[in-house]
Amino acid sequence: MRGNYGLMDQVAALHWIQENIEQFGGASDNITIVGHGYGAACAHLLMLSPMAKGLFNRVILMSGSALSPWAIARDANVYAEQVGRQLNCPIKKNNVDFFT
């Protein structure tokens, strides 16, 4: 897999908000995203992403940012393997398909 599908989901949600916010009494030119902890890191990454350009106007970051040492996973393959084991997925060290 390539990219960060969690952030792509958030961008898709922001597109939905842009298209529908007026139905809820909001304004598409006055959208604020707020994040706390990991959510703040995600909001900060959205600020930096060209995919999210123009989808929001303000950001509130609380207790975290994309610069926090815990914000970006190191050794992502190790974490993927741990999740696979917890879900009882067959794991083989030489299984390239597991990591791609």
PDB file of N, CA and C in Angstrom:
ATOM      1  N   MET A   1       0.837  -1.171   0.000  1.00  0.00           N
ATOM      2  CA  MET A   1       0.000   0.000   0.000  1.00  0.00           C
ATOM      3  C   MET A   1       0.884   1.237   0.000  1.00  0.00           C
ATOM      4  N   ARG A   2       0.401   2.246  -0.654  1.00  0.00           N
ATOM      5  CA  ARG A   2       1.146   3.495  -0.685  1.00  0.00           C
ATOM      6  C   ARG A   2       0.286   4.610  -0.122  1.00  0.00           C
ATOM      7  N   GLY A   3       0.942   5.542   0.502  1.00  0.00           N
ATOM      8  CA  GLY A   3       0.223   6.707   0.987  1.00  0.00           C
ATOM      9  C   GLY A   3      -0.357   6.501   2.366  1.00  0.00           C
ATOM     10  N   ASN A   4      -1.113   7.472   2.776  1.00  0.00           N
ATOM     11  CA  ASN A   4      -1.749   7.438   4.082  1.00  0.00           C
ATOM     12  C   ASN A   4      -3.250   7.458   3.860  1.00  0.00           C
ATOM     13  N   TYR A   5      -3.853   6.278   3.886  1.00  0.00           N
ATOM     14  CA  TYR A   5      -5.273   6.180   3.576  1.00  0.00           C
ATOM     15  C   TYR A   5      -6.135   6.825   4.650  1.00  0.00           C
ATOM     16  N   GLY A   6      -5.641   6.915   5.869  1.00  0.00           N
ATOM     17  CA  GLY A   6      -6.381   7.627   6.911  1.00  0.00           C
ATOM     18  C   GLY A   6      -6.541   9.091   6.556  1.00  0.00           C
ATOM     19  N   LEU A   7      -5.463   9.717   6.100  1.00  0.00           N
ATOM     20  CA  LEU A   7      -5.553  11.123   5.693  1.00  0.00           C
ATOM     21  C   LEU A   7      -6.412  11.272   4.443  1.00  0.00           C
ATOM     22  N   MET A   8      -6.337  10.302   3.541  1.00  0.00           N
ATOM     23  CA  MET A   8      -7.188  10.374   2.344  1.00  0.00           C
ATOM     24  C   MET A   8      -8.663  10.299   2.724  1.00  0.00           C
ATOM     25  N   ASP A   9      -8.985   9.489   3.721  1.00  0.00           N
ATOM     26  CA  ASP A   9     -10.363   9.439   4.219  1.00  0.00           C
ATOM     27  C   ASP A   9     -10.771  10.787   4.799  1.00  0.00           C
ATOM     28  N   GLN A  10      -9.862  11.433   5.513  1.00  0.00           N
ATOM     29  CA  GLN A  10     -10.167  12.741   6.090  1.00  0.00           C
ATOM     30  C   GLN A  10     -10.371  13.787   4.998  1.00  0.00           C
ATOM     31  N   VAL A  11      -9.578  13.715   3.935  1.00  0.00           N
ATOM     32  CA  VAL A  11      -9.762  14.634   2.804  1.00  0.00           C
ATOM     33  C   VAL A  11     -11.122  14.385   2.157  1.00  0.00           C
ATOM     34  N   ALA A  12     -11.510  13.120   2.009  1.00  0.00           N
ATOM     35  CA  ALA A  12     -12.830  12.802   1.449  1.00  0.00           C
ATOM     36  C   ALA A  12     -13.933  13.376   2.334  1.00  0.00           C
ATOM     37  N   ALA A  13     -13.761  13.281   3.655  1.00  0.00           N
ATOM     38  CA  ALA A  13     -14.751  13.848   4.577  1.00  0.00           C
ATOM     39  C   ALA A  13     -14.819  15.363   4.431  1.00  0.00           C
ATOM     40  N   LEU A  14     -13.673  16.010   4.252  1.00  0.00           N
ATOM     41  CA  LEU A  14     -13.665  17.465   4.063  1.00  0.00           C
ATOM     42  C   LEU A  14     -14.358  17.861   2.761  1.00  0.00           C
ATOM     43  N   HIS A  15     -14.198  17.056   1.714  1.00  0.00           N
ATOM     44  CA  HIS A  15     -14.927  17.316   0.462  1.00  0.00           C
ATOM     45  C   HIS A  15     -16.434  17.231   0.711  1.00  0.00           C
ATOM     46  N   TRP A  16     -16.855  16.204   1.468  1.00  0.00           N
ATOM     47  CA  TRP A  16     -18.280  16.045   1.771  1.00  0.00           C
ATOM     48  C   TRP A  16     -18.786  17.254   2.548  1.00  0.00           C
ATOM     49  N   ILE A  17     -18.002  17.688   3.526  1.00  0.00           N
ATOM     50  CA  ILE A  17     -18.393  18.855   4.320  1.00  0.00           C
ATOM     51  C   ILE A  17     -18.539  20.075   3.423  1.00  0.00           C
ATOM     52  N   GLN A  18     -17.569  20.296   2.535  1.00  0.00           N
ATOM     53  CA  GLN A  18     -17.637  21.429   1.609  1.00  0.00           C
ATOM     54  C   GLN A  18     -18.933  21.405   0.798  1.00  0.00           C
ATOM     55  N   GLU A  19     -19.305  20.217   0.346  1.00  0.00           N
ATOM     56  CA  GLU A  19     -20.484  20.080  -0.512  1.00  0.00           C
ATOM     57  C   GLU A  19     -21.800  20.169   0.255  1.00  0.00           C
ATOM     58  N   ASN A  20     -21.787  19.873   1.541  1.00  0.00           N
ATOM     59  CA  ASN A  20     -23.046  19.735   2.283  1.00  0.00           C
ATOM     60  C   ASN A  20     -23.221  20.660   3.477  1.00  0.00           C
ATOM     61  N   ILE A  21     -22.226  21.419   3.848  1.00  0.00           N
ATOM     62  CA  ILE A  21     -22.288  22.194   5.092  1.00  0.00           C
ATOM     63  C   ILE A  21     -23.429  23.205   5.099  1.00  0.00           C
ATOM     64  N   GLU A  22     -23.754  23.754   3.948  1.00  0.00           N
ATOM     65  CA  GLU A  22     -24.830  24.756   3.910  1.00  0.00           C
ATOM     66  C   GLU A  22     -26.181  24.147   4.266  1.00  0.00           C
ATOM     67  N   GLN A  23     -26.349  22.846   4.037  1.00  0.00           N
ATOM     68  CA  GLN A  23     -27.588  22.163   4.409  1.00  0.00           C
ATOM     69  C   GLN A  23     -27.764  22.103   5.930  1.00  0.00           C
ATOM     70  N   PHE A  24     -26.678  22.326   6.653  1.00  0.00           N
ATOM     71  CA  PHE A  24     -26.701  22.294   8.117  1.00  0.00           C
ATOM     72  C   PHE A  24     -26.541  23.682   8.721  1.00  0.00           C
ATOM     73  N   GLY A  25     -26.680  24.703   7.891  1.00  0.00           N
ATOM     74  CA  GLY A  25     -26.590  26.070   8.376  1.00  0.00           C
ATOM     75  C   GLY A  25     -25.177  26.621   8.455  1.00  0.00           C
ATOM     76  N   GLY A  26     -24.210  25.890   7.917  1.00  0.00           N
ATOM     77  CA  GLY A  26     -22.820  26.344   7.945  1.00  0.00           C
ATOM     78  C   GLY A  26     -22.436  27.044   6.656  1.00  0.00           C
ATOM     79  N   ALA A  27     -21.205  27.486   6.602  1.00  0.00           N
ATOM     80  CA  ALA A  27     -20.687  28.186   5.426  1.00  0.00           C
ATOM     81  C   ALA A  27     -19.418  27.489   4.950  1.00  0.00           C
ATOM     82  N   SER A  28     -19.358  27.196   3.659  1.00  0.00           N
ATOM     83  CA  SER A  28     -18.214  26.469   3.117  1.00  0.00           C
ATOM     84  C   SER A  28     -16.923  27.286   3.152  1.00  0.00           C
ATOM     85  N   ASP A  29     -17.043  28.590   3.374  1.00  0.00           N
ATOM     86  CA  ASP A  29     -15.840  29.420   3.459  1.00  0.00           C
ATOM     87  C   ASP A  29     -15.451  29.714   4.913  1.00  0.00           C
ATOM     88  N   ASN A  30     -16.007  28.934   5.849  1.00  0.00           N
ATOM     89  CA  ASN A  30     -15.729  29.156   7.268  1.00  0.00           C
ATOM     90  C   ASN A  30     -15.654  27.818   8.005  1.00  0.00           C
ATOM     91  N   ILE A  31     -14.743  26.954   7.567  1.00  0.00           N
ATOM     92  CA  ILE A  31     -14.606  25.617   8.139  1.00  0.00           C
ATOM     93  C   ILE A  31     -13.329  25.561   8.968  1.00  0.00           C
ATOM     94  N   THR A  32     -13.473  25.128  10.211  1.00  0.00           N
ATOM     95  CA  THR A  32     -12.338  24.967  11.119  1.00  0.00           C
ATOM     96  C   THR A  32     -12.203  23.495  11.462  1.00  0.00           C
ATOM     97  N   ILE A  33     -10.998  22.964  11.359  1.00  0.00           N
ATOM     98  CA  ILE A  33     -10.763  21.595  11.822  1.00  0.00           C
ATOM     99  C   ILE A  33      -9.986  21.669  13.132  1.00  0.00           C
ATOM    100  N   VAL A  34     -10.313  20.751  14.037  1.00  0.00           N
ATOM    101  CA  VAL A  34      -9.719  20.732  15.372  1.00  0.00           C
ATOM    102  C   VAL A  34      -9.180  19.335  15.621  1.00  0.00           C
ATOM    103  N   GLY A  35      -7.995  19.248  16.187  1.00  0.00           N
ATOM    104  CA  GLY A  35      -7.440  17.950  16.528  1.00  0.00           C
ATOM    105  C   GLY A  35      -6.716  17.996  17.858  1.00  0.00           C
ATOM    106  N   HIS A  36      -6.808  16.894  18.596  1.00  0.00           N
ATOM    107  CA  HIS A  36      -6.133  16.765  19.886  1.00  0.00           C
ATOM    108  C   HIS A  36      -5.243  15.526  19.832  1.00  0.00           C
ATOM    109  N   GLY A  37      -4.001  15.645  20.251  1.00  0.00           N
ATOM    110  CA  GLY A  37      -3.089  14.503  20.229  1.00  0.00           C
ATOM    111  C   GLY A  37      -2.830  14.051  18.802  1.00  0.00           C
ATOM    112  N   TYR A  38      -3.128  12.775  18.529  1.00  0.00           N
ATOM    113  CA  TYR A  38      -2.947  12.267  17.169  1.00  0.00           C
ATOM    114  C   TYR A  38      -3.824  13.031  16.184  1.00  0.00           C
ATOM    115  N   GLY A  39      -4.991  13.451  16.630  1.00  0.00           N
ATOM    116  CA  GLY A  39      -5.865  14.252  15.771  1.00  0.00           C
ATOM    117  C   GLY A  39      -5.219  15.571  15.384  1.00  0.00           C
ATOM    118  N   ALA A  40      -4.446  16.150  16.308  1.00  0.00           N
ATOM    119  CA  ALA A  40      -3.725  17.386  15.999  1.00  0.00           C
ATOM    120  C   ALA A  40      -2.653  17.126  14.951  1.00  0.00           C
ATOM    121  N   ALA A  41      -1.976  15.991  15.064  1.00  0.00           N
ATOM    122  CA  ALA A  41      -0.970  15.643  14.058  1.00  0.00           C
ATOM    123  C   ALA A  41      -1.628  15.480  12.694  1.00  0.00           C
ATOM    124  N   CYS A  42      -2.786  14.837  12.661  1.00  0.00           N
ATOM    125  CA  CYS A  42      -3.509  14.676  11.394  1.00  0.00           C
ATOM    126  C   CYS A  42      -3.941  16.025  10.836  1.00  0.00           C
ATOM    127  N   ALA A  43      -4.467  16.887  11.693  1.00  0.00           N
ATOM    128  CA  ALA A  43      -4.894  18.212  11.237  1.00  0.00           C
ATOM    129  C   ALA A  43      -3.706  18.999  10.691  1.00  0.00           C
ATOM    130  N   HIS A  44      -2.554  18.879  11.340  1.00  0.00           N
ATOM    131  CA  HIS A  44      -1.345  19.555  10.876  1.00  0.00           C
ATOM    132  C   HIS A  44      -0.925  19.005   9.511  1.00  0.00           C
ATOM    133  N   LEU A  45      -0.983  17.687   9.347  1.00  0.00           N
ATOM    134  CA  LEU A  45      -0.644  17.091   8.052  1.00  0.00           C
ATOM    135  C   LEU A  45      -1.622  17.539   6.970  1.00  0.00           C
ATOM    136  N   LEU A  46      -2.888  17.704   7.329  1.00  0.00           N
ATOM    137  CA  LEU A  46      -3.860  18.220   6.357  1.00  0.00           C
ATOM    138  C   LEU A  46      -3.504  19.639   5.934  1.00  0.00           C
ATOM    139  N   MET A  47      -2.982  20.435   6.872  1.00  0.00           N
ATOM    140  CA  MET A  47      -2.542  21.794   6.533  1.00  0.00           C
ATOM    141  C   MET A  47      -1.452  21.764   5.468  1.00  0.00           C
ATOM    142  N   LEU A  48      -0.616  20.743   5.518  1.00  0.00           N
ATOM    143  CA  LEU A  48       0.533  20.642   4.622  1.00  0.00           C
ATOM    144  C   LEU A  48       0.214  19.927   3.311  1.00  0.00           C
ATOM    145  N   SER A  49      -0.924  19.270   3.251  1.00  0.00           N
ATOM    146  CA  SER A  49      -1.252  18.442   2.094  1.00  0.00           C
ATOM    147  C   SER A  49      -1.899  19.241   0.969  1.00  0.00           C
ATOM    148  N   PRO A  50      -1.364  19.130  -0.249  1.00  0.00           N
ATOM    149  CA  PRO A  50      -2.021  19.791  -1.379  1.00  0.00           C
ATOM    150  C   PRO A  50      -3.410  19.211  -1.662  1.00  0.00           C
ATOM    151  N   MET A  51      -3.660  17.960  -1.238  1.00  0.00           N
ATOM    152  CA  MET A  51      -4.979  17.354  -1.463  1.00  0.00           C
ATOM    153  C   MET A  51      -6.067  18.070  -0.674  1.00  0.00           C
ATOM    154  N   ALA A  52      -5.711  18.705   0.436  1.00  0.00           N
ATOM    155  CA  ALA A  52      -6.704  19.356   1.296  1.00  0.00           C
ATOM    156  C   ALA A  52      -6.781  20.865   1.067  1.00  0.00           C
ATOM    157  N   LYS A  53      -6.032  21.363   0.106  1.00  0.00           N
ATOM    158  CA  LYS A  53      -5.992  22.810  -0.136  1.00  0.00           C
ATOM    159  C   LYS A  53      -7.391  23.343  -0.448  1.00  0.00           C
ATOM    160  N   GLY A  54      -7.773  24.399   0.262  1.00  0.00           N
ATOM    161  CA  GLY A  54      -9.055  25.051   0.035  1.00  0.00           C
ATOM    162  C   GLY A  54     -10.253  24.381   0.687  1.00  0.00           C
ATOM    163  N   LEU A  55     -10.034  23.289   1.415  1.00  0.00           N
ATOM    164  CA  LEU A  55     -11.154  22.568   2.021  1.00  0.00           C
ATOM    165  C   LEU A  55     -11.493  23.057   3.426  1.00  0.00           C
ATOM    166  N   PHE A  56     -10.622  23.846   4.035  1.00  0.00           N
ATOM    167  CA  PHE A  56     -10.874  24.405   5.362  1.00  0.00           C
ATOM    168  C   PHE A  56     -10.131  25.720   5.476  1.00  0.00           C
ATOM    169  N   ASN A  57     -10.506  26.508   6.483  1.00  0.00           N
ATOM    170  CA  ASN A  57      -9.953  27.853   6.622  1.00  0.00           C
ATOM    171  C   ASN A  57      -9.101  28.051   7.864  1.00  0.00           C
ATOM    172  N   ARG A  58      -9.378  27.270   8.895  1.00  0.00           N
ATOM    173  CA  ARG A  58      -8.666  27.424  10.155  1.00  0.00           C
ATOM    174  C   ARG A  58      -8.377  26.047  10.744  1.00  0.00           C
ATOM    175  N   VAL A  59      -7.348  26.023  11.584  1.00  0.00           N
ATOM    176  CA  VAL A  59      -6.983  24.773  12.253  1.00  0.00           C
ATOM    177  C   VAL A  59      -6.666  25.086  13.714  1.00  0.00           C
ATOM    178  N   ILE A  60      -7.140  24.225  14.593  1.00  0.00           N
ATOM    179  CA  ILE A  60      -6.780  24.302  16.007  1.00  0.00           C
ATOM    180  C   ILE A  60      -6.060  23.002  16.347  1.00  0.00           C
ATOM    181  N   LEU A  61      -4.792  23.116  16.766  1.00  0.00           N
ATOM    182  CA  LEU A  61      -3.990  21.961  17.157  1.00  0.00           C
ATOM    183  C   LEU A  61      -3.828  21.976  18.668  1.00  0.00           C
ATOM    184  N   MET A  62      -4.221  20.888  19.314  1.00  0.00           N
ATOM    185  CA  MET A  62      -4.109  20.798  20.773  1.00  0.00           C
ATOM    186  C   MET A  62      -3.278  19.572  21.144  1.00  0.00           C
ATOM    187  N   SER A  63      -2.223  19.788  21.895  1.00  0.00           N
ATOM    188  CA  SER A  63      -1.392  18.708  22.447  1.00  0.00           C
ATOM    189  C   SER A  63      -0.793  17.800  21.383  1.00  0.00           C
ATOM    190  N   GLY A  64      -0.360  18.379  20.284  1.00  0.00           N
ATOM    191  CA  GLY A  64       0.312  17.579  19.272  1.00  0.00           C
ATOM    192  C   GLY A  64       0.444  18.322  17.965  1.00  0.00           C
ATOM    193  N   SER A  65       1.300  17.793  17.115  1.00  0.00           N
ATOM    194  CA  SER A  65       1.471  18.320  15.764  1.00  0.00           C
ATOM    195  C   SER A  65       2.169  17.253  14.936  1.00  0.00           C
ATOM    196  N   ALA A  66       2.323  17.513  13.651  1.00  0.00           N
ATOM    197  CA  ALA A  66       3.034  16.577  12.783  1.00  0.00           C
ATOM    198  C   ALA A  66       4.508  16.486  13.158  1.00  0.00           C
ATOM    199  N   LEU A  67       4.996  17.429  13.952  1.00  0.00           N
ATOM    200  CA  LEU A  67       6.391  17.427  14.386  1.00  0.00           C
ATOM    201  C   LEU A  67       6.602  16.646  15.679  1.00  0.00           C
ATOM    202  N   SER A  68       5.529  16.182  16.304  1.00  0.00           N
ATOM    203  CA  SER A  68       5.654  15.387  17.527  1.00  0.00           C
ATOM    204  C   SER A  68       6.374  14.081  17.201  1.00  0.00           C
ATOM    205  N   PRO A  69       7.247  13.610  18.093  1.00  0.00           N
ATOM    206  CA  PRO A  69       8.025  12.404  17.784  1.00  0.00           C
ATOM    207  C   PRO A  69       7.169  11.163  17.557  1.00  0.00           C
ATOM    208  N   TRP A  70       5.982  11.118  18.099  1.00  0.00           N
ATOM    209  CA  TRP A  70       5.109   9.956  17.954  1.00  0.00           C
ATOM    210  C   TRP A  70       4.173  10.066  16.753  1.00  0.00           C
ATOM    211  N   ALA A  71       4.218  11.175  16.020  1.00  0.00           N
ATOM    212  CA  ALA A  71       3.225  11.443  14.980  1.00  0.00           C
ATOM    213  C   ALA A  71       3.390  10.579  13.736  1.00  0.00           C
ATOM    214  N   ILE A  72       4.602  10.195  13.418  1.00  0.00           N
ATOM    215  CA  ILE A  72       4.831   9.406  12.206  1.00  0.00           C
ATOM    216  C   ILE A  72       5.402   8.062  12.616  1.00  0.00           C
ATOM    217  N   ALA A  73       4.767   7.005  12.138  1.00  0.00           N
ATOM    218  CA  ALA A  73       5.180   5.653  12.506  1.00  0.00           C
ATOM    219  C   ALA A  73       6.541   5.328  11.898  1.00  0.00           C
ATOM    220  N   ARG A  74       7.431   4.898  12.721  1.00  0.00           N
ATOM    221  CA  ARG A  74       8.708   4.361  12.266  1.00  0.00           C
ATOM    222  C   ARG A  74       8.523   2.847  12.186  1.00  0.00           C
ATOM    223  N   ASP A  75       9.245   2.197  11.357  1.00  0.00           N
ATOM    224  CA  ASP A  75       9.142   0.742  11.222  1.00  0.00           C
ATOM    225  C   ASP A  75       7.702   0.304  10.976  1.00  0.00           C
ATOM    226  N   ALA A  76       7.070   0.888   9.987  1.00  0.00           N
ATOM    227  CA  ALA A  76       5.667   0.591   9.690  1.00  0.00           C
ATOM    228  C   ALA A  76       5.446  -0.895   9.422  1.00  0.00           C
ATOM    229  N   ASN A  77       6.419  -1.567   8.814  1.00  0.00           N
ATOM    230  CA  ASN A  77       6.263  -2.998   8.544  1.00  0.00           C
ATOM    231  C   ASN A  77       6.159  -3.799   9.836  1.00  0.00           C
ATOM    232  N   VAL A  78       6.904  -3.398  10.857  1.00  0.00           N
ATOM    233  CA  VAL A  78       6.839  -4.083  12.152  1.00  0.00           C
ATOM    234  C   VAL A  78       5.441  -3.925  12.745  1.00  0.00           C
ATOM    235  N   TYR A  79       4.900  -2.712  12.688  1.00  0.00           N
ATOM    236  CA  TYR A  79       3.550  -2.478  13.210  1.00  0.00           C
ATOM    237  C   TYR A  79       2.509  -3.252  12.409  1.00  0.00           C
ATOM    238  N   ALA A  80       2.668  -3.297  11.092  1.00  0.00           N
ATOM    239  CA  ALA A  80       1.728  -4.044  10.252  1.00  0.00           C
ATOM    240  C   ALA A  80       1.757  -5.525  10.617  1.00  0.00           C
ATOM    241  N   GLU A  81       2.943  -6.054  10.864  1.00  0.00           N
ATOM    242  CA  GLU A  81       3.060  -7.457  11.255  1.00  0.00           C
ATOM    243  C   GLU A  81       2.401  -7.697  12.610  1.00  0.00           C
ATOM    244  N   GLN A  82       2.572  -6.782  13.556  1.00  0.00           N
ATOM    245  CA  GLN A  82       1.942  -6.928  14.872  1.00  0.00           C
ATOM    246  C   GLN A  82       0.422  -6.939  14.750  1.00  0.00           C
ATOM    247  N   VAL A  83      -0.121  -6.055  13.928  1.00  0.00           N
ATOM    248  CA  VAL A  83      -1.573  -6.028  13.717  1.00  0.00           C
ATOM    249  C   VAL A  83      -2.024  -7.331  13.072  1.00  0.00           C
ATOM    250  N   GLY A  84      -1.280  -7.791  12.086  1.00  0.00           N
ATOM    251  CA  GLY A  84      -1.616  -9.057  11.429  1.00  0.00           C
ATOM    252  C   GLY A  84      -1.659 -10.207  12.412  1.00  0.00           C
ATOM    253  N   ARG A  85      -0.693 -10.263  13.312  1.00  0.00           N
ATOM    254  CA  ARG A  85      -0.678 -11.325  14.330  1.00  0.00           C
ATOM    255  C   ARG A  85      -1.889 -11.214  15.266  1.00  0.00           C
ATOM    256  N   GLN A  86      -2.220 -10.004  15.676  1.00  0.00           N
ATOM    257  CA  GLN A  86      -3.368  -9.816  16.565  1.00  0.00           C
ATOM    258  C   GLN A  86      -4.671 -10.227  15.892  1.00  0.00           C
ATOM    259  N   LEU A  87      -4.726 -10.100  14.567  1.00  0.00           N
ATOM    260  CA  LEU A  87      -5.928 -10.470  13.820  1.00  0.00           C
ATOM    261  C   LEU A  87      -5.875 -11.900  13.313  1.00  0.00           C
ATOM    262  N   ASN A  88      -4.857 -12.644  13.756  1.00  0.00           N
ATOM    263  CA  ASN A  88      -4.671 -14.039  13.358  1.00  0.00           C
ATOM    264  C   ASN A  88      -4.524 -14.213  11.848  1.00  0.00           C
ATOM    265  N   CYS A  89      -3.869 -13.266  11.211  1.00  0.00           N
ATOM    266  CA  CYS A  89      -3.582 -13.378   9.778  1.00  0.00           C
ATOM    267  C   CYS A  89      -2.317 -14.211   9.606  1.00  0.00           C
ATOM    268  N   PRO A  90      -2.257 -15.020   8.547  1.00  0.00           N
ATOM    269  CA  PRO A  90      -1.021 -15.767   8.309  1.00  0.00           C
ATOM    270  C   PRO A  90       0.108 -14.798   7.945  1.00  0.00           C
ATOM    271  N   ILE A  91       1.201 -14.885   8.670  1.00  0.00           N
ATOM    272  CA  ILE A  91       2.338 -13.987   8.470  1.00  0.00           C
ATOM    273  C   ILE A  91       3.554 -14.828   8.099  1.00  0.00           C
ATOM    274  N   LYS A  92       4.195 -14.445   7.018  1.00  0.00           N
ATOM    275  CA  LYS A  92       5.458 -15.071   6.632  1.00  0.00           C
ATOM    276  C   LYS A  92       6.465 -13.964   6.425  1.00  0.00           C
ATOM    277  N   LYS A  93       7.638 -14.126   6.969  1.00  0.00           N
ATOM    278  CA  LYS A  93       8.666 -13.088   6.841  1.00  0.00           C
ATOM    279  C   LYS A  93       9.007 -12.811   5.384  1.00  0.00           C
ATOM    280  N   ASN A  94       8.920 -13.813   4.531  1.00  0.00           N
ATOM    281  CA  ASN A  94       9.272 -13.619   3.130  1.00  0.00           C
ATOM    282  C   ASN A  94       8.047 -13.321   2.264  1.00  0.00           C
ATOM    283  N   ASN A  95       6.914 -13.052   2.892  1.00  0.00           N
ATOM    284  CA  ASN A  95       5.683 -12.782   2.154  1.00  0.00           C
ATOM    285  C   ASN A  95       5.643 -11.312   1.756  1.00  0.00           C
ATOM    286  N   VAL A  96       6.110 -11.016   0.565  1.00  0.00           N
ATOM    287  CA  VAL A  96       6.164  -9.640   0.080  1.00  0.00           C
ATOM    288  C   VAL A  96       4.760  -9.066  -0.047  1.00  0.00           C
ATOM    289  N   ASP A  97       3.784  -9.891  -0.389  1.00  0.00           N
ATOM    290  CA  ASP A  97       2.417  -9.404  -0.572  1.00  0.00           C
ATOM    291  C   ASP A  97       1.845  -8.805   0.710  1.00  0.00           C
ATOM    292  N   PHE A  98       2.288  -9.276   1.864  1.00  0.00           N
ATOM    293  CA  PHE A  98       1.776  -8.761   3.127  1.00  0.00           C
ATOM    294  C   PHE A  98       2.091  -7.283   3.284  1.00  0.00           C
ATOM    295  N   PHE A  99       3.227  -6.853   2.763  1.00  0.00           N
ATOM    296  CA  PHE A  99       3.673  -5.487   2.957  1.00  0.00           C
ATOM    297  C   PHE A  99       3.479  -4.600   1.740  1.00  0.00           C
ATOM    298  N   THR A 100       2.876  -5.100   0.689  1.00  0.00           N
ATOM    299  CA  THR A 100       2.686  -4.264  -0.508  1.00  0.00           C
ATOM    300  C   THR A 100       1.233  -4.159  -0.864  1.00  0.00           C
TER     301      THR A 100
END
